[in-house]
Protein backbone atom coordinates (compact mmCIF):
# COMPACT_ATOMS: atom_id res chain seq x y z
CA MET A 1 0.05 0.16 -0.01
CA TYR A 2 0.93 3.53 -0.57
CA VAL A 3 2.87 5.92 2.11
CA SER A 4 1.45 9.15 2.13
CA GLU A 5 3.60 11.94 0.25
CA HIS A 6 4.06 14.17 3.60
CA VAL A 7 5.09 10.94 5.80
CA GLN A 8 8.03 9.99 3.07
CA ARG A 9 9.22 13.87 2.61
CA ARG A 10 9.09 14.12 6.66
CA ASP A 11 11.14 11.21 7.28
CA LEU A 12 13.60 11.38 4.16
CA ASN A 13 14.44 14.98 5.69
CA ALA A 14 14.72 13.24 9.04
CA ALA A 15 16.96 10.73 7.77
CA VAL A 16 19.24 13.03 5.65
CA GLN A 17 19.09 16.03 8.58
CA GLN A 18 19.59 13.91 11.32
CA GLY A 19 22.05 11.06 10.44
CA THR A 20 20.34 8.60 11.70
CA GLY A 21 22.33 5.98 10.10
CA THR A 22 20.22 5.16 7.25
CA THR A 23 21.62 6.46 3.70
CA LEU A 24 19.93 7.51 1.19
CA TRP A 25 20.11 4.66 -0.76
CA GLN A 26 18.50 2.17 1.82
CA TRP A 27 15.74 4.88 2.50
CA ILE A 28 14.66 4.47 -1.59
CA ARG A 29 15.14 0.86 -1.24
CA GLN A 30 12.89 0.50 1.43
CA LEU A 31 10.31 3.07 0.15
CA SER A 32 10.28 1.28 -3.12
CA ALA A 33 9.54 -1.98 -1.45
CA GLY A 34 6.04 -0.81 0.11
CA ARG A 35 5.17 -0.07 -3.43
CA CYS A 36 3.36 -2.19 -6.24
CA PHE A 37 5.04 -1.30 -9.37
CA VAL A 38 2.85 -2.15 -12.42
CA SER A 39 3.67 -1.93 -16.16
CA ASP A 40 7.05 -2.28 -18.06
CA GLY A 41 5.38 0.52 -20.83
CA GLN A 42 7.01 3.04 -18.04
CA ASN A 43 10.28 4.97 -19.93
CA LEU A 44 12.19 8.41 -19.30
CA VAL A 45 12.68 10.73 -22.08
CA THR A 46 15.22 13.62 -22.10
CA GLU A 47 17.13 15.76 -24.59
CA ASP A 48 20.90 17.11 -24.55
CA VAL A 49 21.50 20.71 -23.62
CA THR A 50 23.93 23.14 -25.42
CA VAL A 51 24.47 25.94 -23.41
CA VAL A 52 26.56 29.06 -23.75
CA GLU A 53 29.03 29.63 -20.76
CA GLY A 54 27.31 31.70 -17.91
CA ASP A 55 23.61 31.10 -19.31
CA VAL A 56 21.16 28.89 -18.08
CA ALA A 57 21.10 25.13 -18.67
CA THR A 58 17.51 23.21 -18.07
CA ILE A 59 17.56 19.46 -17.53
CA SER A 60 14.34 17.79 -17.81
CA CYS A 61 13.51 13.98 -16.58
CA ARG A 62 9.95 12.89 -18.00
CA VAL A 63 8.03 9.82 -17.74
CA LYS A 64 5.60 8.11 -20.02
CA ASN A 65 2.62 6.10 -18.74
CA SER A 66 3.44 7.34 -15.43
CA ASP A 67 2.64 5.36 -12.05
CA ASP A 68 3.78 7.78 -9.65
CA SER A 69 7.38 5.83 -9.43
CA VAL A 70 10.17 8.15 -7.91
CA ILE A 71 12.43 10.41 -10.19
CA GLN A 72 15.53 11.39 -9.39
CA LEU A 73 18.21 13.74 -10.80
CA LEU A 74 22.07 13.22 -10.49
CA ASN A 75 25.22 14.93 -11.65
CA PRO A 76 28.19 13.37 -13.53
CA ASN A 77 29.50 12.30 -10.24
CA ARG A 78 26.39 10.36 -9.33
CA GLN A 79 25.77 13.05 -6.55
CA THR A 80 21.87 13.20 -6.26
CA ILE A 81 20.94 16.73 -7.15
CA TYR A 82 17.17 16.33 -6.79
CA PHE A 83 15.14 13.15 -5.37
CA ARG A 84 11.22 13.77 -6.23
CA ASP A 85 11.08 17.95 -5.44
CA PHE A 86 13.56 17.60 -2.51
CA ARG A 87 17.37 19.09 -2.92
CA PRO A 88 20.04 17.01 -0.99
CA LEU A 89 23.34 18.91 -3.00
CA LYS A 90 24.07 22.03 -1.57
CA ASP A 91 24.40 23.83 -4.53
CA SER A 92 22.00 26.83 -4.91
CA ARG A 93 22.41 27.05 -8.71
CA PHE A 94 20.45 24.31 -9.27
CA GLN A 95 16.93 24.93 -8.76
CA LEU A 96 13.71 23.22 -8.99
CA VAL A 97 11.39 24.47 -12.18
CA ASN A 98 8.63 21.72 -12.26
CA PHE A 99 7.79 18.80 -10.35
CA SER A 100 5.14 16.33 -10.96
CA ASN A 101 4.34 12.46 -11.43
CA SER A 102 5.75 12.46 -15.14
CA GLU A 103 8.24 15.15 -15.05
CA LEU A 104 11.49 16.88 -13.19
CA ARG A 105 12.55 19.96 -14.37
CA VAL A 106 16.17 21.25 -12.91
CA SER A 107 17.56 24.28 -13.76
CA LEU A 108 21.47 25.09 -13.47
CA THR A 109 22.33 28.80 -13.59
CA ASN A 110 25.65 30.22 -14.63
CA VAL A 111 27.18 27.73 -16.41
CA SER A 112 30.86 27.09 -16.35
CA ILE A 113 32.86 24.41 -17.99
CA SER A 114 33.14 22.46 -14.93
CA ASP A 115 29.94 21.97 -15.35
CA GLU A 116 29.97 20.01 -18.58
CA GLY A 117 29.21 16.56 -18.59
CA ARG A 118 26.39 13.48 -18.14
CA TYR A 119 23.47 13.92 -16.07
CA PHE A 120 21.57 10.59 -15.13
CA CYS A 121 17.51 10.58 -14.97
CA GLN A 122 16.61 7.24 -12.81
CA LEU A 123 13.31 6.30 -12.23
CA TYR A 124 12.57 3.67 -9.37
CA THR A 125 10.52 1.04 -10.93
CA ASP A 126 10.79 -2.74 -11.02
CA PRO A 127 13.16 -2.85 -12.63
CA PRO A 128 15.06 0.51 -12.07
CA GLN A 129 15.15 2.82 -15.26
CA GLU A 130 18.10 5.20 -16.13
CA ILE A 131 18.48 7.55 -18.99
CA TYR A 132 21.41 10.36 -19.30
CA THR A 133 21.78 13.89 -20.78
CA THR A 134 24.66 15.57 -22.13
CA ILE A 135 25.39 19.23 -21.41
CA THR A 136 28.06 20.86 -23.63
CA VAL A 137 29.28 24.43 -22.60
CA LEU A 138 30.09 26.57 -25.21
CA VAL A 139 32.65 29.12 -24.77
CA PRO A 140 32.45 32.50 -27.33
CA PRO A 141 35.98 34.13 -28.31
CA ARG A 142 36.98 36.66 -25.42
CA ASN A 143 38.98 38.39 -27.53
CA LEU A 144 38.97 39.47 -31.47
CA VAL A 145 42.12 41.84 -32.43
CA ILE A 146 43.52 42.18 -35.35
CA ASP A 147 47.51 43.40 -36.11
CA ILE A 148 48.47 45.18 -38.85
CA GLN A 149 52.18 45.07 -40.01
CA LYS A 150 52.04 48.33 -41.14
CA GLU A 151 50.03 51.37 -40.27
CA THR A 152 50.20 53.33 -43.48
CA ALA A 153 51.80 51.20 -46.87
CA VAL A 154 52.76 52.28 -50.01
CA GLU A 155 50.73 51.48 -53.32
CA GLY A 156 51.98 48.13 -54.45
CA GLU A 157 53.31 46.92 -51.22
CA GLU A 158 51.99 43.51 -49.96
CA ILE A 159 51.39 43.91 -45.98
CA GLU A 160 50.21 41.12 -43.54
CA LEU A 161 47.47 41.39 -41.33
CA ASN A 162 46.69 38.79 -38.32
CA CYS A 163 43.30 38.24 -36.49
CA THR A 164 43.43 36.35 -33.11
CA ALA A 165 40.37 34.91 -31.36
CA MET A 166 41.29 33.71 -27.67
CA ALA A 167 40.12 31.20 -25.49
CA SER A 168 37.51 29.36 -27.55
CA ARG A 169 35.30 26.39 -27.32
CA PRO A 170 35.07 25.33 -29.56
CA ALA A 171 37.79 26.39 -31.98
CA THR A 172 36.37 29.46 -34.28
CA THR A 173 36.29 30.09 -37.72
CA ILE A 174 37.61 33.49 -39.15
CA ARG A 175 36.73 34.95 -42.27
CA TRP A 176 38.01 37.75 -43.74
CA PHE A 177 36.88 41.02 -46.20
CA LYS A 178 37.66 43.69 -47.78
CA GLY A 179 34.89 46.05 -48.22
CA ASN A 180 32.22 43.41 -49.36
CA LYS A 181 34.64 41.13 -50.94
CA GLU A 182 35.74 38.22 -49.36
CA LEU A 183 39.61 37.13 -49.05
CA THR A 184 41.30 34.08 -48.33
CA GLY A 185 43.44 33.58 -45.30
CA LYS A 186 45.69 30.73 -43.29
CA SER A 187 44.85 29.61 -39.79
CA GLU A 188 46.32 28.28 -37.27
CA VAL A 189 45.14 26.60 -34.20
CA GLU A 190 46.50 26.34 -30.76
CA GLN A 191 44.67 23.88 -28.13
CA TRP A 192 45.24 25.36 -24.33
CA SER A 193 43.59 22.72 -21.70
CA ASP A 194 39.93 22.59 -23.10
CA MET A 195 40.16 26.05 -24.37
CA TYR A 196 41.18 26.89 -28.48
CA THR A 197 43.56 30.11 -29.70
CA VAL A 198 42.77 30.44 -33.46
CA THR A 199 45.30 33.07 -35.36
CA SER A 200 44.30 33.60 -39.25
CA GLN A 201 46.88 35.61 -41.49
CA LEU A 202 46.15 37.58 -44.45
CA LEU A 203 48.36 38.95 -47.03
CA LEU A 204 47.26 41.98 -48.80
CA LYS A 205 48.57 43.72 -52.07
CA VAL A 206 47.11 47.41 -51.69
CA GLY A 207 46.90 49.93 -54.17
CA ARG A 208 45.48 53.38 -54.10
CA GLU A 209 41.78 52.45 -53.93
CA ASP A 210 42.44 50.65 -50.86
CA ASP A 211 43.01 54.05 -48.93
CA GLY A 212 40.08 54.33 -46.30
CA VAL A 213 38.90 50.68 -47.17
CA PRO A 214 38.08 48.73 -43.90
CA VAL A 215 39.30 45.14 -43.34
CA ILE A 216 37.33 42.63 -41.48
CA CYS A 217 37.68 40.10 -39.53
CA LEU A 218 34.80 37.84 -38.71
CA VAL A 219 34.17 34.57 -36.67
CA ASP A 220 31.95 32.06 -36.89
CA HIS A 221 31.19 30.31 -33.54
CA PRO A 222 28.15 28.49 -32.05
CA ALA A 223 28.06 30.48 -29.26
CA VAL A 224 28.15 33.97 -30.60
CA LYS A 225 26.74 35.91 -33.84
CA ASP A 226 27.79 39.00 -36.36
CA LEU A 227 31.57 38.90 -33.61
CA GLN A 228 33.64 40.91 -35.95
CA THR A 229 36.21 43.66 -35.86
CA GLN A 230 37.78 45.83 -38.44
CA ARG A 231 41.02 48.02 -39.65
CA TYR A 232 40.66 50.80 -41.86
CA LEU A 233 43.97 50.77 -44.69
CA GLU A 234 46.20 53.95 -44.95
CA VAL A 235 47.47 53.98 -48.62
CA MET A 236 49.88 56.70 -49.71
CA TYR A 237 50.05 56.80 -53.38
CA LYS A 238 51.56 59.20 -56.45
CA PRO A 239 49.88 61.94 -57.75
CA GLN A 240 47.22 62.16 -60.30
CA VAL A 241 47.50 65.06 -62.35
CA ARG A 242 45.28 66.88 -64.56
CA VAL A 243 45.32 69.41 -66.88
CA SER A 244 42.22 71.38 -68.07
CA GLN A 245 41.68 73.97 -70.45
CA ASN A 246 39.78 77.38 -69.19
CA TYR A 247 39.75 79.26 -72.44
CA PRO A 248 39.16 78.89 -75.01
CA LEU A 249 36.39 76.71 -73.93
CA GLN A 250 36.29 74.00 -76.20
CA GLY A 251 37.51 76.00 -79.41
CA LEU A 252 40.23 76.18 -81.51
CA THR A 253 43.36 77.87 -80.30
CA ARG A 254 43.78 80.22 -82.99
CA GLU A 255 46.44 83.00 -83.58
CA GLY A 256 46.31 86.05 -81.73
CA GLU A 257 44.38 84.42 -78.94
CA PRO A 258 44.68 83.40 -75.38
CA LEU A 259 44.99 80.30 -73.59
CA GLU A 260 44.72 79.49 -70.22
CA LEU A 261 45.83 75.90 -68.61
CA THR A 262 45.10 74.70 -65.30
CA CYS A 263 46.83 71.98 -63.24
CA THR A 264 45.45 69.95 -59.97
CA ALA A 265 47.13 66.98 -58.71
CA PHE A 266 45.29 64.85 -56.47
CA GLY A 267 47.82 62.07 -54.07
CA LYS A 268 48.60 61.09 -50.75
CA PRO A 269 50.12 62.99 -49.04
CA GLN A 270 48.92 65.99 -50.97
CA PRO A 271 51.15 67.13 -53.53
CA THR A 272 53.04 69.98 -52.62
CA ASP A 273 55.30 70.45 -55.59
CA MET A 274 54.07 71.33 -58.89
CA ARG A 275 55.66 73.00 -62.00
CA TRP A 276 55.12 73.91 -65.84
CA LEU A 277 57.62 72.89 -68.53
CA ARG A 278 57.55 72.53 -72.23
CA VAL A 279 58.72 68.99 -73.68
CA ASP A 280 61.69 69.14 -76.05
CA ASP A 281 62.18 72.75 -76.16
CA GLU A 282 62.40 76.01 -73.80
CA MET A 283 59.33 77.65 -72.15
CA PRO A 284 58.77 80.65 -74.63
CA GLN A 285 59.02 84.17 -72.32
CA HIS A 286 55.74 85.24 -72.81
CA VAL A 287 54.42 82.63 -71.35
CA VAL A 288 52.82 83.10 -67.57
CA VAL A 289 53.10 80.81 -65.17
CA SER A 290 51.45 81.27 -61.74
CA GLY A 291 51.49 78.29 -59.44
CA SER A 292 49.17 75.76 -61.31
CA ASN A 293 47.68 77.83 -63.93
CA LEU A 294 49.75 78.52 -67.10
CA LEU A 295 48.91 81.83 -69.67
CA ILE A 296 49.49 82.61 -72.98
CA SER A 297 48.12 86.05 -73.51
CA ASN A 298 48.89 86.38 -77.41
CA LEU A 299 49.16 82.91 -79.25
CA ASN A 300 51.27 82.58 -82.23
CA LYS A 301 52.77 79.23 -84.45
CA THR A 302 56.14 79.52 -82.07
CA ASP A 303 54.13 78.39 -79.07
CA ASN A 304 53.33 75.17 -80.64
CA GLY A 305 54.32 72.24 -78.92
CA THR A 306 53.95 69.98 -75.69
CA TYR A 307 53.30 71.29 -72.22
CA ARG A 308 53.69 68.91 -68.96
CA CYS A 309 52.74 69.67 -65.70
CA GLU A 310 54.42 67.56 -63.24
CA ALA A 311 53.67 67.13 -59.48
CA SER A 312 55.44 65.36 -56.72
CA ASN A 313 55.25 64.00 -53.10
CA ALA A 314 56.48 61.78 -50.95
CA VAL A 315 55.96 58.55 -52.98
CA GLY A 316 56.74 59.92 -56.20
CA LYS A 317 56.51 61.80 -59.19
CA SER A 318 53.88 62.00 -62.19
CA HIS A 319 52.90 64.13 -65.02
CA ALA A 320 49.81 65.20 -67.36
CA ASP A 321 51.00 66.73 -71.41
CA TYR A 322 48.71 69.07 -73.37
CA MET A 323 49.76 69.22 -76.65
CA LEU A 324 49.19 73.05 -78.16
CA PHE A 325 48.83 73.70 -82.31
CA VAL A 326 48.01 77.02 -83.04
CA TYR A 327 45.75 77.62 -85.88
CA ASP A 328 45.14 80.45 -88.47
CA THR A 329 43.18 82.96 -87.78
CA THR A 330 40.17 81.54 -90.76
CA ALA A 331 40.57 77.90 -89.22
CA THR A 332 36.89 76.67 -88.66
CA THR A 333 36.87 72.81 -88.23
CA GLU A 334 37.40 71.14 -85.23
CA PRO A 335 40.21 68.96 -85.42
CA ALA A 336 39.14 64.44 -85.01
CA VAL A 337 42.14 64.06 -82.61
CA HIS A 338 42.70 65.83 -78.88
CA GLY A 339 45.78 67.07 -77.59
CA PHE A 340 45.69 65.99 -73.77
CA THR A 341 47.75 63.26 -72.85
CA GLN A 342 48.26 61.58 -69.61
CA LEU A 343 50.75 58.61 -69.91
CA PRO A 344 52.39 56.63 -67.10
CA ASN A 345 55.75 57.86 -65.98
CA SER A 346 57.46 54.71 -65.36
CA ALA A 347 56.77 51.10 -65.84
CA GLU A 348 55.62 50.24 -62.16
CA GLU A 349 52.47 52.76 -63.28
CA LEU A 350 51.55 49.94 -65.94
CA ASP A 351 50.79 47.42 -62.82
CA TYR A 352 48.26 50.16 -61.10
CA GLY A 353 44.31 49.23 -61.06
CA ASP A 354 42.03 47.63 -63.79
CA LEU A 355 43.05 48.30 -66.99
CA SER A 356 40.14 49.68 -69.00
CA GLY A 357 39.26 48.69 -73.17
CA THR A 358 39.89 53.43 -73.75
CA PRO A 359 43.62 53.05 -75.51
CA VAL A 360 45.72 56.26 -74.92
CA PRO A 361 46.74 58.03 -78.25
CA LEU A 362 50.53 58.23 -78.39
CA THR A 363 51.85 62.11 -78.92
CA ALA A 364 55.17 63.25 -80.52
CA SER A 365 56.82 63.45 -76.78
CA THR A 366 55.69 59.84 -76.02
CA GLU A 367 56.75 58.15 -78.93
CA ALA A 368 59.44 56.05 -76.88
CA LEU A 369 56.41 55.19 -74.54
CA PRO A 370 54.53 51.71 -75.08
CA THR A 371 51.01 51.76 -75.88
CA VAL A 372 49.24 51.50 -72.70
CA GLN A 373 45.51 51.88 -71.69
CA LEU A 374 44.18 53.79 -67.88
CA SER A 375 42.07 52.83 -65.69
CA ASN A 376 38.94 54.69 -65.44
CA ALA A 377 39.69 56.62 -62.48
CA SER A 378 42.83 57.82 -64.89
CA LEU A 379 40.49 58.51 -67.52
CA ALA A 380 38.19 60.73 -65.20
CA PHE A 381 41.55 63.16 -65.24
CA GLN A 382 41.92 63.55 -68.99
CA PRO A 383 39.33 66.48 -70.96
CA ASP A 384 39.13 66.74 -74.15
CA SER A 385 41.54 69.20 -76.65
CA ARG A 386 42.35 69.92 -80.31
CA ALA A 387 44.32 67.88 -82.68
CA GLY A 388 47.66 69.06 -84.49
CA GLU A 389 47.46 70.08 -88.32
CA GLU A 390 49.86 66.86 -89.39
CA GLY A 391 47.07 64.57 -88.31
CA ALA A 392 44.13 66.74 -89.90
CA ILE A 393 46.25 66.88 -93.45
CA ARG A 394 47.12 63.43 -93.24
CA SER A 395 43.67 62.23 -93.13
CA VAL A 396 42.96 64.82 -96.25
CA ASP A 397 46.00 63.22 -98.23
CA HIS A 398 44.68 59.85 -97.66
CA ALA A 399 40.84 60.78 -98.82
CA VAL A 400 42.44 62.39 -102.04
CA VAL A 401 44.75 59.43 -103.05
CA GLY A 402 41.93 57.00 -102.54
CA GLY A 403 39.06 59.09 -104.54
CA VAL A 404 42.18 59.01 -107.40
CA VAL A 405 42.64 55.25 -107.09
CA ALA A 406 38.76 54.40 -107.21
CA VAL A 407 38.60 57.02 -110.35
CA VAL A 408 41.45 55.36 -112.51
CA VAL A 409 39.89 51.56 -111.23
CA PHE A 410 36.53 52.93 -111.94
CA ALA A 411 37.78 54.09 -115.43
CA MET A 412 39.55 50.89 -116.22
CA LEU A 413 36.41 48.59 -115.74
CA CYS A 414 34.32 50.82 -118.43
CA LEU A 415 36.98 50.07 -120.97
CA LEU A 416 37.28 46.24 -120.50
CA ILE A 417 33.69 46.09 -120.80
CA ILE A 418 33.49 48.31 -124.26
CA LEU A 419 36.37 46.07 -125.74
CA GLY A 420 34.47 42.90 -124.78
CA ARG A 421 31.16 44.06 -126.14
CA TYR A 422 33.25 45.18 -129.97
CA PHE A 423 34.93 42.13 -129.96
CA ALA A 424 32.05 40.03 -129.54
CA ARG A 425 29.88 41.80 -132.36
CA HIS A 426 32.59 41.17 -134.92
CA LYS A 427 33.49 37.45 -134.43
CA GLY A 428 32.79 34.95 -136.98
CA THR A 429 33.59 33.46 -140.92
CA TYR A 430 33.15 35.96 -143.56
CA PHE A 431 32.63 34.74 -147.85
CA THR A 432 33.60 36.86 -150.71
CA HIS A 433 31.00 36.98 -154.17
CA GLU A 434 34.43 35.78 -156.22
CA ALA A 435 34.42 32.54 -154.99
CA LYS A 436 30.81 31.32 -156.16
CA GLY A 437 30.86 28.35 -158.48
CA ALA A 438 34.04 26.92 -157.94
CA ASP A 439 33.83 24.80 -154.74
CA ASP A 440 34.76 21.48 -156.95
CA ALA A 441 37.57 22.79 -159.28
CA ALA A 442 40.36 20.24 -159.28
CA ASP A 443 43.07 23.16 -159.30
CA ALA A 444 43.34 26.88 -159.27
CA ASP A 445 43.09 27.32 -163.38
CA THR A 446 39.85 25.82 -163.01
CA ALA A 447 38.00 27.13 -160.03
CA ILE A 448 38.84 30.87 -162.09
CA ILE A 449 37.70 29.63 -165.10
CA ASN A 450 34.39 28.22 -163.33
CA ALA A 451 33.79 30.64 -160.78
CA GLU A 452 30.89 32.74 -161.75
CA GLY A 453 31.13 35.39 -164.60
CA GLY A 454 33.44 33.20 -166.36
CA GLN A 455 36.67 34.18 -167.97
CA ASN A 456 35.47 38.02 -168.66
CA ASN A 457 35.51 38.56 -164.93
CA SER A 458 38.99 37.15 -164.49
CA GLU A 459 40.45 39.08 -167.61
CA GLU A 460 38.71 42.51 -165.89
CA LYS A 461 40.43 41.45 -162.35
CA LYS A 462 43.95 41.20 -164.16
CA GLU A 463 46.38 43.51 -162.73
CA TYR A 464 49.79 44.89 -164.56
CA PHE A 465 53.00 45.37 -162.25
CA ILE A 466 55.60 47.22 -164.40
């Protein structure tokens, strides 16, 4: 017969607190001996628990087909945490969440690595039943740090970045991003006791387009979401030089008119030294240079040539050219080829950026340089200008020669057609009337005698030579 729950709890507390010599296990056996256990269909159900360090883990022991048998929860050391709704273990972190005939649910607060392991649910039936649940403790990285080899890099250099995620469990996965583009690094894992430290190395070749771009170190770990840190790149680069024509604005540079050019340069650090020069010749005395501006108040033919603006900073020197051709005052046609050029100053600049599909025309002052293609960033600094007269004259000469050749070919074709028709009309066999009736003659004399008209006609055809 059953013993009342009040009597069971009173006697159990007395046995534990007063130390009567009766162990807990003996008390359970005595209590179970007075019970009638029914069906073998009873069983225990529980689930494994995964919890982040410092959070709360909830352990649940559930009974199917309950017959009011005693439910007990034990820790990995086989110490009783809860016997029914009584807690013999003196650890206040364990708290009873729910107790009934079919469930014992216990919470464990402030979970640590030492709490990890198997916890046993026992049901005192005949025979007793037991099942265990496993608590797994996750530890997020405590520190996430990016260490960069150089605080300031120069374009074209390869720099090293290291990202370290310390003391995590399990080992974390590190991903790299430059802006929105994912990069590939090389990771190493070190284990200290139950913790893992992961270091990822990234080698990055920087260009001027990387200046101010964030490099992000992102962590993939089951204990944390969106954990990342970033560093902004600082890249120094050569100046980008641009020559713009202020006057005349998109017009012909004619004799007697003024010309004003402005040179602008952008770089890191900002260029401090800018100067104008004339390529392959001395600067005309009447040319006025004021800082970044060049002014010719009265253009003439002697001003023809290539004018170059050079700018430099701590990284290097760059330039942009302007080809000037002075037209007659009567010139009205806009040339087809433009006179601004901006070519790389050295072979190193050929490696910069992504090359676009827009070729840069060679000028007289840059014939020794290879034909290159500038990036879109460089093309933004190349305004339109006017062509030299030589290119226009050459294009006119080619057109005249082509027209003459076309006329000659057309005339020859017409002549061939006329001759072909003439020979076709006069082709065939021709007969004379003198030979009629002489087809069957045995010899030439007979043929003459038998010919139409007879001998009389033959006499008339005789000729005498003196």
